C-alpha atoms as a PDB file:
ATOM      1  CA  MET A   1       0.000   0.000   0.000  1.00  0.00           C
ATOM      2  CA  THR A   2       1.307   3.436  -0.931  1.00  0.00           C
ATOM      3  CA  SER A   3       1.489   5.610   2.169  1.00  0.00           C
ATOM      4  CA  THR A   4      -0.099   9.060   1.993  1.00  0.00           C
ATOM      5  CA  LYS A   5       1.034  11.884   4.274  1.00  0.00           C
ATOM      6  CA  PRO A   6      -1.825  13.663   6.055  1.00  0.00           C
ATOM      7  CA  GLN A   7      -0.787  17.031   4.632  1.00  0.00           C
ATOM      8  CA  ASP A   8      -1.220  15.564   1.126  1.00  0.00           C
ATOM      9  CA  ILE A   9      -4.944  14.822   1.633  1.00  0.00           C
ATOM     10  CA  PRO A  10      -6.186  18.125   0.101  1.00  0.00           C
ATOM     11  CA  GLY A  11      -4.161  17.402  -3.023  1.00  0.00           C
ATOM     12  CA  LEU A  12      -5.464  13.829  -3.099  1.00  0.00           C
ATOM     13  CA  PHE A  13      -9.079  15.050  -3.139  1.00  0.00           C
ATOM     14  CA  LEU A  14      -8.363  17.729  -5.747  1.00  0.00           C
ATOM     15  CA  GLY A  15      -6.583  15.228  -7.981  1.00  0.00           C
ATOM     16  CA  ARG A  16      -9.555  12.881  -7.899  1.00  0.00           C
ATOM     17  CA  ALA A  17     -11.997  15.741  -8.460  1.00  0.00           C
ATOM     18  CA  ARG A  18     -10.119  16.903 -11.579  1.00  0.00           C
ATOM     19  CA  LYS A  19     -10.592  13.564 -13.328  1.00  0.00           C
ATOM     20  CA  GLN A  20     -14.196  14.301 -14.327  1.00  0.00           C
ATOM     21  CA  LYS A  21     -16.684  17.060 -13.619  1.00  0.00           C
ATOM     22  CA  ARG A  22     -19.751  15.721 -11.824  1.00  0.00           C
ATOM     23  CA  LYS A  23     -23.297  16.863 -11.141  1.00  0.00           C
ATOM     24  CA  ILE A  24     -23.746  17.442  -7.414  1.00  0.00           C
ATOM     25  CA  GLY A  25     -26.881  18.459  -5.511  1.00  0.00           C
ATOM     26  CA  ILE A  26     -26.516  20.643  -2.419  1.00  0.00           C
ATOM     27  CA  GLY A  27     -29.040  21.921   0.120  1.00  0.00           C
ATOM     28  CA  ILE A  28     -28.683  25.686   0.625  1.00  0.00           C
ATOM     29  CA  CYS A  29     -31.175  27.645   2.719  1.00  0.00           C
ATOM     30  CA  ARG A  30     -29.092  30.722   3.659  1.00  0.00           C
ATOM     31  CA  PRO A  31     -27.210  31.942   0.572  1.00  0.00           C
ATOM     32  CA  ILE A  32     -24.979  34.456   2.338  1.00  0.00           C
ATOM     33  CA  PRO A  33     -22.081  35.920   0.293  1.00  0.00           C
ATOM     34  CA  GLU A  34     -19.447  33.553   1.759  1.00  0.00           C
ATOM     35  CA  THR A  35     -21.566  30.540   0.874  1.00  0.00           C
ATOM     36  CA  VAL A  36     -22.299  31.708  -2.663  1.00  0.00           C
ATOM     37  CA  GLU A  37     -18.613  32.426  -3.215  1.00  0.00           C
ATOM     38  CA  SER A  38     -17.716  28.889  -2.087  1.00  0.00           C
ATOM     39  CA  LEU A  39     -20.220  27.459  -4.582  1.00  0.00           C
ATOM     40  CA  LYS A  40     -18.659  29.535  -7.357  1.00  0.00           C
ATOM     41  CA  ARG A  41     -15.155  28.324  -6.488  1.00  0.00           C
ATOM     42  CA  ALA A  42     -16.311  24.716  -6.480  1.00  0.00           C
ATOM     43  CA  SER A  43     -18.099  25.046  -9.810  1.00  0.00           C
ATOM     44  CA  GLN A  44     -14.859  24.280 -11.678  1.00  0.00           C
ATOM     45  CA  TYR A  45     -15.250  20.704 -10.398  1.00  0.00           C
ATOM     46  CA  ALA A  46     -19.029  20.325 -10.157  1.00  0.00           C
ATOM     47  CA  ASP A  47     -22.183  21.202 -12.046  1.00  0.00           C
ATOM     48  CA  LEU A  48     -24.189  22.226  -9.010  1.00  0.00           C
ATOM     49  CA  VAL A  49     -27.923  21.923  -8.434  1.00  0.00           C
ATOM     50  CA  VAL A  50     -28.929  24.136  -5.514  1.00  0.00           C
ATOM     51  CA  ILE A  51     -32.003  22.940  -3.650  1.00  0.00           C
ATOM     52  CA  GLY A  52     -33.730  25.347  -1.263  1.00  0.00           C
ATOM     53  CA  ALA A  53     -32.853  28.987  -1.863  1.00  0.00           C
ATOM     54  CA  GLN A  54     -32.530  30.805  -5.167  1.00  0.00           C
ATOM     55  CA  VAL A  55     -28.855  31.288  -5.996  1.00  0.00           C
ATOM     56  CA  SER A  56     -28.127  33.173  -9.193  1.00  0.00           C
ATOM     57  CA  GLY A  57     -25.816  31.459 -11.666  1.00  0.00           C
ATOM     58  CA  PHE A  58     -26.748  27.902 -10.728  1.00  0.00           C
ATOM     59  CA  GLU A  59     -29.455  25.407 -11.545  1.00  0.00           C
ATOM     60  CA  ASN A  60     -32.039  25.863  -8.792  1.00  0.00           C
ATOM     61  CA  ILE A  61     -34.915  23.967  -7.260  1.00  0.00           C
ATOM     62  CA  VAL A  62     -36.476  26.581  -4.995  1.00  0.00           C
ATOM     63  CA  GLU A  63     -38.232  25.270  -1.878  1.00  0.00           C
ATOM     64  CA  ALA A  64     -39.149  27.543   1.013  1.00  0.00           C
ATOM     65  CA  ASP A  65     -39.770  24.560   3.287  1.00  0.00           C
ATOM     66  CA  GLN A  66     -36.540  22.967   4.451  1.00  0.00           C
ATOM     67  CA  ASP A  67     -37.969  19.466   4.786  1.00  0.00           C
ATOM     68  CA  THR A  68     -39.310  19.587   1.241  1.00  0.00           C
ATOM     69  CA  ALA A  69     -35.848  20.650   0.103  1.00  0.00           C
ATOM     70  CA  SER A  70     -34.435  17.505   1.739  1.00  0.00           C
ATOM     71  CA  VAL A  71     -37.018  15.350  -0.032  1.00  0.00           C
ATOM     72  CA  LYS A  72     -36.091  16.913  -3.382  1.00  0.00           C
ATOM     73  CA  LEU A  73     -32.360  16.552  -2.699  1.00  0.00           C
ATOM     74  CA  ILE A  74     -32.658  12.828  -1.981  1.00  0.00           C
ATOM     75  CA  GLY A  75     -35.032  12.411  -4.924  1.00  0.00           C
ATOM     76  CA  LEU A  76     -32.391  13.742  -7.313  1.00  0.00           C
ATOM     77  CA  LEU A  77     -29.939  11.175  -5.968  1.00  0.00           C
ATOM     78  CA  ARG A  78     -32.458   8.333  -6.140  1.00  0.00           C
ATOM     79  CA  ASP A  79     -33.412   9.142  -9.733  1.00  0.00           C
ATOM     80  CA  GLY A  80     -29.789   9.409 -10.865  1.00  0.00           C
ATOM     81  CA  LYS A  81     -30.159  13.076 -11.799  1.00  0.00           C
ATOM     82  CA  VAL A  82     -27.064  13.910  -9.749  1.00  0.00           C
ATOM     83  CA  ASP A  83     -23.891  11.918  -9.132  1.00  0.00           C
ATOM     84  CA  GLY A  84     -23.870  12.745  -5.451  1.00  0.00           C
ATOM     85  CA  ILE A  85     -25.142  15.122  -2.806  1.00  0.00           C
ATOM     86  CA  VAL A  86     -23.788  17.497  -0.198  1.00  0.00           C
ATOM     87  CA  ARG A  87     -26.305  17.872   2.629  1.00  0.00           C
ATOM     88  CA  GLY A  88     -25.280  21.468   3.203  1.00  0.00           C
ATOM     89  CA  GLN A  89     -27.757  23.450   5.271  1.00  0.00           C
ATOM     90  CA  VAL A  90     -30.724  21.074   5.469  1.00  0.00           C
ATOM     91  CA  LYS A  91     -31.405  18.910   8.528  1.00  0.00           C
ATOM     92  CA  ASP A  92     -29.134  15.965   9.235  1.00  0.00           C
ATOM     93  CA  SER A  93     -31.336  13.215  10.736  1.00  0.00           C
ATOM     94  CA  PHE A  94     -34.387  14.141   8.667  1.00  0.00           C
ATOM     95  CA  THR A  95     -32.391  14.015   5.428  1.00  0.00           C
ATOM     96  CA  LEU A  96     -30.738  10.694   6.275  1.00  0.00           C
ATOM     97  CA  ASP A  97     -34.108   9.200   7.246  1.00  0.00           C
ATOM     98  CA  GLU A  98     -35.480  10.435   3.924  1.00  0.00           C
ATOM     99  CA  PHE A  99     -32.607   8.677   2.162  1.00  0.00           C
ATOM    100  CA  TYR A 100     -33.553   5.375   3.767  1.00  0.00           C
ATOM    101  CA  ARG A 101     -37.224   5.911   2.933  1.00  0.00           C
ATOM    102  CA  GLN A 102     -36.711   6.757  -0.738  1.00  0.00           C
ATOM    103  CA  PHE A 103     -34.055   4.110  -1.305  1.00  0.00           C
ATOM    104  CA  GLY A 104     -36.093   1.456   0.504  1.00  0.00           C
ATOM    105  CA  LYS A 105     -33.292   0.602   2.901  1.00  0.00           C
ATOM    106  CA  GLU A 106     -33.562  -0.406   6.529  1.00  0.00           C
ATOM    107  CA  PRO A 107     -32.243   2.490   8.649  1.00  0.00           C
ATOM    108  CA  LEU A 108     -29.027   1.809  10.507  1.00  0.00           C
ATOM    109  CA  PRO A 109     -29.126   2.295  14.283  1.00  0.00           C
ATOM    110  CA  SER A 110     -27.653   5.646  15.301  1.00  0.00           C
ATOM    111  CA  ASN A 111     -24.669   3.907  16.918  1.00  0.00           C
ATOM    112  CA  ARG A 112     -23.873   2.061  13.687  1.00  0.00           C
ATOM    113  CA  LYS A 113     -23.669   5.040  11.346  1.00  0.00           C
ATOM    114  CA  VAL A 114     -20.097   5.858  10.356  1.00  0.00           C
ATOM    115  CA  CYS A 115     -19.336   9.356   9.097  1.00  0.00           C
ATOM    116  CA  PRO A 116     -15.677  10.326   9.638  1.00  0.00           C
ATOM    117  CA  GLY A 117     -14.505  13.904   9.395  1.00  0.00           C
ATOM    118  CA  VAL A 118     -11.239  15.065   7.844  1.00  0.00           C
ATOM    119  CA  LEU A 119     -10.026  18.278   9.480  1.00  0.00           C
ATOM    120  CA  GLN A 120      -7.152  20.480   8.305  1.00  0.00           C
ATOM    121  CA  LYS A 121      -5.348  23.640   9.388  1.00  0.00           C
ATOM    122  CA  ASP A 122      -1.815  24.760   8.534  1.00  0.00           C
ATOM    123  CA  GLU A 123       0.467  21.693   8.617  1.00  0.00           C
ATOM    124  CA  TYR A 124      -2.036  19.589  10.560  1.00  0.00           C
ATOM    125  CA  CYS A 125      -4.546  17.235   8.977  1.00  0.00           C
ATOM    126  CA  PHE A 126      -6.300  14.304  10.613  1.00  0.00           C
ATOM    127  CA  VAL A 127      -9.356  12.086  10.561  1.00  0.00           C
ATOM    128  CA  THR A 128     -11.736  12.102  13.481  1.00  0.00           C
ATOM    129  CA  CYS A 129     -14.523   9.724  14.361  1.00  0.00           C
ATOM    130  CA  THR A 130     -17.355   9.779  16.865  1.00  0.00           C
ATOM    131  CA  SER A 131     -18.369  13.351  16.072  1.00  0.00           C
ATOM    132  CA  SER A 132     -22.051  12.421  16.374  1.00  0.00           C
ATOM    133  CA  ILE A 133     -23.580  12.808  19.828  1.00  0.00           C
ATOM    134  CA  TYR A 134     -25.172   9.358  19.500  1.00  0.00           C
ATOM    135  CA  GLN A 135     -21.953   7.426  19.002  1.00  0.00           C
ATOM    136  CA  GLY A 136     -19.103   6.109  21.075  1.00  0.00           C
ATOM    137  CA  MET A 137     -21.080   5.337  24.235  1.00  0.00           C
ATOM    138  CA  THR A 138     -20.006   1.660  24.647  1.00  0.00           C
ATOM    139  CA  ILE A 139     -16.832  -0.292  23.925  1.00  0.00           C
ATOM    140  CA  GLU A 140     -18.717  -2.244  21.239  1.00  0.00           C
ATOM    141  CA  ASP A 141     -19.709   1.044  19.545  1.00  0.00           C
ATOM    142  CA  LYS A 142     -16.153   2.354  19.717  1.00  0.00           C
ATOM    143  CA  LYS A 143     -14.638  -0.792  18.221  1.00  0.00           C
ATOM    144  CA  PHE A 144     -17.206  -0.904  15.423  1.00  0.00           C
ATOM    145  CA  GLU A 145     -16.682   2.699  14.389  1.00  0.00           C
ATOM    146  CA  VAL A 146     -12.897   2.806  14.766  1.00  0.00           C
ATOM    147  CA  ASP A 147     -12.468  -0.411  12.792  1.00  0.00           C
ATOM    148  CA  ARG A 148     -14.509   1.049   9.928  1.00  0.00           C
ATOM    149  CA  VAL A 149     -12.728   4.407  10.027  1.00  0.00           C
ATOM    150  CA  ILE A 150      -9.341   2.678   9.969  1.00  0.00           C
ATOM    151  CA  ARG A 151     -10.416   0.750   6.882  1.00  0.00           C
ATOM    152  CA  TYR A 152     -11.521   4.050   5.281  1.00  0.00           C
ATOM    153  CA  MET A 153      -8.133   5.598   6.063  1.00  0.00           C
ATOM    154  CA  GLU A 154      -6.142   2.646   4.747  1.00  0.00           C
ATOM    155  CA  GLU A 155      -8.198   1.858   1.637  1.00  0.00           C
ATOM    156  CA  ASP A 156      -9.584   5.259   0.585  1.00  0.00           C
ATOM    157  CA  LEU A 157      -6.919   7.679   1.820  1.00  0.00           C
ATOM    158  CA  GLY A 158      -3.787   5.525   1.878  1.00  0.00           C
ATOM    159  CA  LEU A 159      -3.009   6.609   5.446  1.00  0.00           C
ATOM    160  CA  ILE A 160      -1.195   4.413   7.940  1.00  0.00           C
ATOM    161  CA  PRO A 161      -3.100   5.086  11.173  1.00  0.00           C
ATOM    162  CA  LYS A 162      -1.316   6.871  13.990  1.00  0.00           C
ATOM    163  CA  ILE A 163      -4.060   6.897  16.582  1.00  0.00           C
ATOM    164  CA  GLY A 164      -4.728   9.228  19.478  1.00  0.00           C
ATOM    165  CA  VAL A 165      -7.314   7.821  21.879  1.00  0.00           C
ATOM    166  CA  MET A 166      -8.878  10.457  24.107  1.00  0.00           C
ATOM    167  CA  SER A 167     -10.405   9.955  27.535  1.00  0.00           C
ATOM    168  CA  SER A 168     -12.122  11.715  30.422  1.00  0.00           C
ATOM    169  CA  LEU A 169      -9.441  11.295  33.103  1.00  0.00           C
ATOM    170  CA  ARG A 170      -5.741  10.913  33.584  1.00  0.00           C
ATOM    171  CA  PRO A 171      -4.781   7.812  35.607  1.00  0.00           C
ATOM    172  CA  THR A 172      -3.552  10.171  38.378  1.00  0.00           C
ATOM    173  CA  SER A 173      -6.684  12.337  38.289  1.00  0.00           C
ATOM    174  CA  LYS A 174      -9.847  12.199  40.441  1.00  0.00           C
ATOM    175  CA  VAL A 175     -10.433   8.489  39.873  1.00  0.00           C
ATOM    176  CA  GLY A 176     -13.456   7.262  41.818  1.00  0.00           C
ATOM    177  CA  LYS A 177     -14.945  10.704  42.476  1.00  0.00           C
ATOM    178  CA  TYR A 178     -17.207  10.939  39.432  1.00  0.00           C
ATOM    179  CA  PRO A 179     -18.572   7.532  38.318  1.00  0.00           C
ATOM    180  CA  LEU A 180     -19.545   8.745  34.816  1.00  0.00           C
ATOM    181  CA  LEU A 181     -15.983   9.893  34.108  1.00  0.00           C
ATOM    182  CA  ASP A 182     -14.657   6.587  35.424  1.00  0.00           C
ATOM    183  CA  ASP A 183     -16.957   4.663  33.092  1.00  0.00           C
ATOM    184  CA  ILE A 184     -15.881   6.700  30.063  1.00  0.00           C
ATOM    185  CA  ALA A 185     -12.203   6.348  30.965  1.00  0.00           C
ATOM    186  CA  LYS A 186     -12.537   2.578  31.293  1.00  0.00           C
ATOM    187  CA  ILE A 187     -14.066   2.281  27.820  1.00  0.00           C
ATOM    188  CA  ASP A 188     -11.308   4.375  26.243  1.00  0.00           C
ATOM    189  CA  GLU A 189      -8.593   2.432  28.052  1.00  0.00           C
ATOM    190  CA  GLN A 190     -10.090  -0.796  26.711  1.00  0.00           C
ATOM    191  CA  LEU A 191     -10.218   0.712  23.204  1.00  0.00           C
ATOM    192  CA  ALA A 192      -6.541   1.688  23.319  1.00  0.00           C
ATOM    193  CA  GLN A 193      -5.607  -1.825  24.460  1.00  0.00           C
ATOM    194  CA  TYR A 194      -7.715  -3.305  21.657  1.00  0.00           C
ATOM    195  CA  LEU A 195      -6.030  -1.150  19.005  1.00  0.00           C
ATOM    196  CA  ARG A 196      -2.545  -1.951  20.285  1.00  0.00           C
ATOM    197  CA  SER A 197      -3.403  -5.654  20.219  1.00  0.00           C
ATOM    198  CA  ARG A 198      -4.166  -5.227  16.520  1.00  0.00           C
ATOM    199  CA  GLY A 199      -0.726  -3.717  15.934  1.00  0.00           C
ATOM    200  CA  TYR A 200      -1.690  -0.059  15.542  1.00  0.00           C
ATOM    201  CA  ASP A 201       0.483   2.810  16.763  1.00  0.00           C
ATOM    202  CA  THR A 202      -1.824   4.017  19.549  1.00  0.00           C
ATOM    203  CA  THR A 203      -1.281   6.607  22.272  1.00  0.00           C
ATOM    204  CA  GLU A 204      -3.678   7.602  25.038  1.00  0.00           C
ATOM    205  CA  TYR A 205      -3.782  11.374  25.392  1.00  0.00           C
ATOM    206  CA  TYR A 206      -6.570  11.457  27.987  1.00  0.00           C
ATOM    207  CA  PHE A 207      -8.129  14.929  27.548  1.00  0.00           C
ATOM    208  CA  GLU A 208      -5.102  16.657  25.969  1.00  0.00           C
ATOM    209  CA  TYR A 209      -6.562  16.921  22.480  1.00  0.00           C
ATOM    210  CA  GLU A 210      -4.036  19.612  21.647  1.00  0.00           C
ATOM    211  CA  THR A 211      -1.129  17.249  22.339  1.00  0.00           C
ATOM    212  CA  ALA A 212      -2.653  14.594  20.091  1.00  0.00           C
ATOM    213  CA  VAL A 213      -2.816  17.166  17.290  1.00  0.00           C
ATOM    214  CA  TRP A 214       0.670  18.557  17.913  1.00  0.00           C
ATOM    215  CA  ASN A 215       2.084  15.019  17.833  1.00  0.00           C
ATOM    216  CA  HIS A 216       0.528  14.566  14.383  1.00  0.00           C
ATOM    217  CA  SER A 217      -1.937  11.820  15.201  1.00  0.00           C
ATOM    218  CA  ASN A 218      -3.800  11.202  11.945  1.00  0.00           C
ATOM    219  CA  LEU A 219      -6.775   9.531  13.648  1.00  0.00           C
ATOM    220  CA  ILE A 220      -8.159  11.132  16.782  1.00  0.00           C
ATOM    221  CA  VAL A 221     -10.846   9.239  18.684  1.00  0.00           C
ATOM    222  CA  PRO A 222     -12.800  11.528  21.046  1.00  0.00           C
ATOM    223  CA  ALA A 223     -13.782  10.185  24.444  1.00  0.00           C
ATOM    224  CA  MET A 224     -17.461   9.962  23.511  1.00  0.00           C
ATOM    225  CA  GLY A 225     -19.920  11.379  21.011  1.00  0.00           C
ATOM    226  CA  LEU A 226     -21.058  14.348  23.075  1.00  0.00           C
ATOM    227  CA  VAL A 227     -17.460  15.453  23.543  1.00  0.00           C
ATOM    228  CA  GLY A 228     -16.531  14.747  19.936  1.00  0.00           C
ATOM    229  CA  ASN A 229     -19.439  16.776  18.586  1.00  0.00           C
ATOM    230  CA  ALA A 230     -18.557  19.857  20.641  1.00  0.00           C
ATOM    231  CA  TRP A 231     -14.830  19.559  19.898  1.00  0.00           C
ATOM    232  CA  PHE A 232     -15.405  19.163  16.139  1.00  0.00           C
ATOM    233  CA  LYS A 233     -17.629  22.254  16.006  1.00  0.00           C
ATOM    234  CA  ALA A 234     -15.259  24.301  18.162  1.00  0.00           C
ATOM    235  CA  LEU A 235     -12.403  23.625  15.739  1.00  0.00           C
ATOM    236  CA  LEU A 236     -14.591  24.442  12.735  1.00  0.00           C
ATOM    237  CA  TYR A 237     -16.448  27.505  13.948  1.00  0.00           C
ATOM    238  CA  LEU A 238     -14.039  29.019  16.469  1.00  0.00           C
ATOM    239  CA  GLY A 239     -10.630  27.612  15.603  1.00  0.00           C
ATOM    240  CA  GLY A 240     -10.435  28.309  11.882  1.00  0.00           C
ATOM    241  CA  TRP A 241     -10.095  24.681  10.788  1.00  0.00           C
ATOM    242  CA  ASN A 242     -11.354  23.360   7.447  1.00  0.00           C
ATOM    243  CA  VAL A 243     -13.544  20.288   7.089  1.00  0.00           C
ATOM    244  CA  LEU A 244     -12.160  18.638   3.957  1.00  0.00           C
ATOM    245  CA  ALA A 245     -14.552  15.699   3.992  1.00  0.00           C
ATOM    246  CA  CYS A 246     -17.405  14.232   5.991  1.00  0.00           C
ATOM    247  CA  PRO A 247     -18.734  11.239   4.039  1.00  0.00           C
ATOM    248  CA  TYR A 248     -21.330   8.747   5.136  1.00  0.00           C
ATOM    249  CA  LEU A 249     -19.754   5.359   4.536  1.00  0.00           C
ATOM    250  CA  ASP A 250     -21.429   2.201   3.260  1.00  0.00           C
ATOM    251  CA  LEU A 251     -24.576   3.795   1.829  1.00  0.00           C
ATOM    252  CA  GLY A 252     -23.621   2.843  -1.733  1.00  0.00           C
ATOM    253  CA  VAL A 253     -23.960   6.465  -2.905  1.00  0.00           C
ATOM    254  CA  VAL A 254     -22.043   9.736  -2.664  1.00  0.00           C
ATOM    255  CA  TYR A 255     -23.501  11.382   0.445  1.00  0.00           C
ATOM    256  CA  GLU A 256     -21.328  14.146   1.894  1.00  0.00           C
ATOM    257  CA  ASP A 257     -22.425  15.346   5.306  1.00  0.00           C
ATOM    258  CA  GLY A 258     -21.152  18.166   7.504  1.00  0.00           C
ATOM    259  CA  THR A 259     -22.723  20.727   9.823  1.00  0.00           C
ATOM    260  CA  ARG A 260     -25.573  23.087   8.991  1.00  0.00           C
ATOM    261  CA  ASN A 261     -23.987  26.359  10.089  1.00  0.00           C
ATOM    262  CA  GLU A 262     -20.964  26.166   7.821  1.00  0.00           C
ATOM    263  CA  LYS A 263     -20.499  29.082   5.463  1.00  0.00           C
ATOM    264  CA  ASP A 264     -17.968  27.571   3.056  1.00  0.00           C
ATOM    265  CA  PHE A 265     -18.893  24.340   1.242  1.00  0.00           C
ATOM    266  CA  TYR A 266     -16.000  24.292  -1.232  1.00  0.00           C
ATOM    267  CA  TRP A 267     -14.240  21.241   0.218  1.00  0.00           C
ATOM    268  CA  HIS A 268     -17.464  19.323   0.761  1.00  0.00           C
ATOM    269  CA  ILE A 269     -18.273  19.718  -2.935  1.00  0.00           C
ATOM    270  CA  VAL A 270     -14.726  18.849  -4.024  1.00  0.00           C
ATOM    271  CA  HIS A 271     -14.828  15.706  -1.919  1.00  0.00           C
ATOM    272  CA  ALA A 272     -18.246  14.691  -3.253  1.00  0.00           C
ATOM    273  CA  VAL A 273     -16.831  14.902  -6.782  1.00  0.00           C
ATOM    274  CA  ALA A 274     -13.727  12.989  -5.675  1.00  0.00           C
ATOM    275  CA  MET A 275     -15.957  10.255  -4.234  1.00  0.00           C
ATOM    276  CA  ALA A 276     -18.004  10.110  -7.443  1.00  0.00           C
ATOM    277  CA  ASN A 277     -14.787   9.652  -9.416  1.00  0.00           C
ATOM    278  CA  SER A 278     -13.589   6.865  -7.101  1.00  0.00           C
ATOM    279  CA  GLN A 279     -14.702   3.262  -6.926  1.00  0.00           C
ATOM    280  CA  LYS A 280     -15.026   3.646  -3.165  1.00  0.00           C
ATOM    281  CA  ARG A 281     -18.410   4.505  -1.652  1.00  0.00           C
END
């Protein structure tokens, strides 16, 4: 397997996106200038269909109701009128449920959905999992998700995992004082042991997320979903990080997720095109 460096991931996605322009649907409800500009920049890689608001210069399906916009977005994907979708600014759970309904698939339990994020800033770039509040609550959940994310890294990105497992406590901290923190710490300790037993370079950083980043971990596993969700959004909205990719895995289609309050969807669109041009789904 050819090893990819984390800092090369943006170039990897751009290279795949350049192979063929694709038709991508995106849900946009608040077409502020920053968002429209990001659509324009991405239009060199994608023929965009904007569902929701009217955005001049693009093919539009105008829907004032956000839920109807989600229905139309999934319908385009189901009917093969687009090569993939970026959820954009429409609802997350509603849109995914609509996907299952229109495609006639049995919905996956919330703790079995895998949607890794690829975050980048300056020389740092890494994959994170468990950024949904519903995930990472049991050791079985953690193993399931991390195993799938590792396979995504190795097979889709060409990354050799260097894993930072986060926790709620240091071993020398207030062990025994707060039972919930003890329970979380035990799960993450078990996860680190499991990953080491499989031969992966794994370090426990407890709650020093910054140290995991500075040490160039390319897979960071938050302590639990609630923590991962808040940390992911803090980096994106307050820390100036870019989300390069946020794909739902194993749906059999190109379904790029993200968070609703983002202003710039350039990388989400680029990655959707890259996915459409890849054999991986």
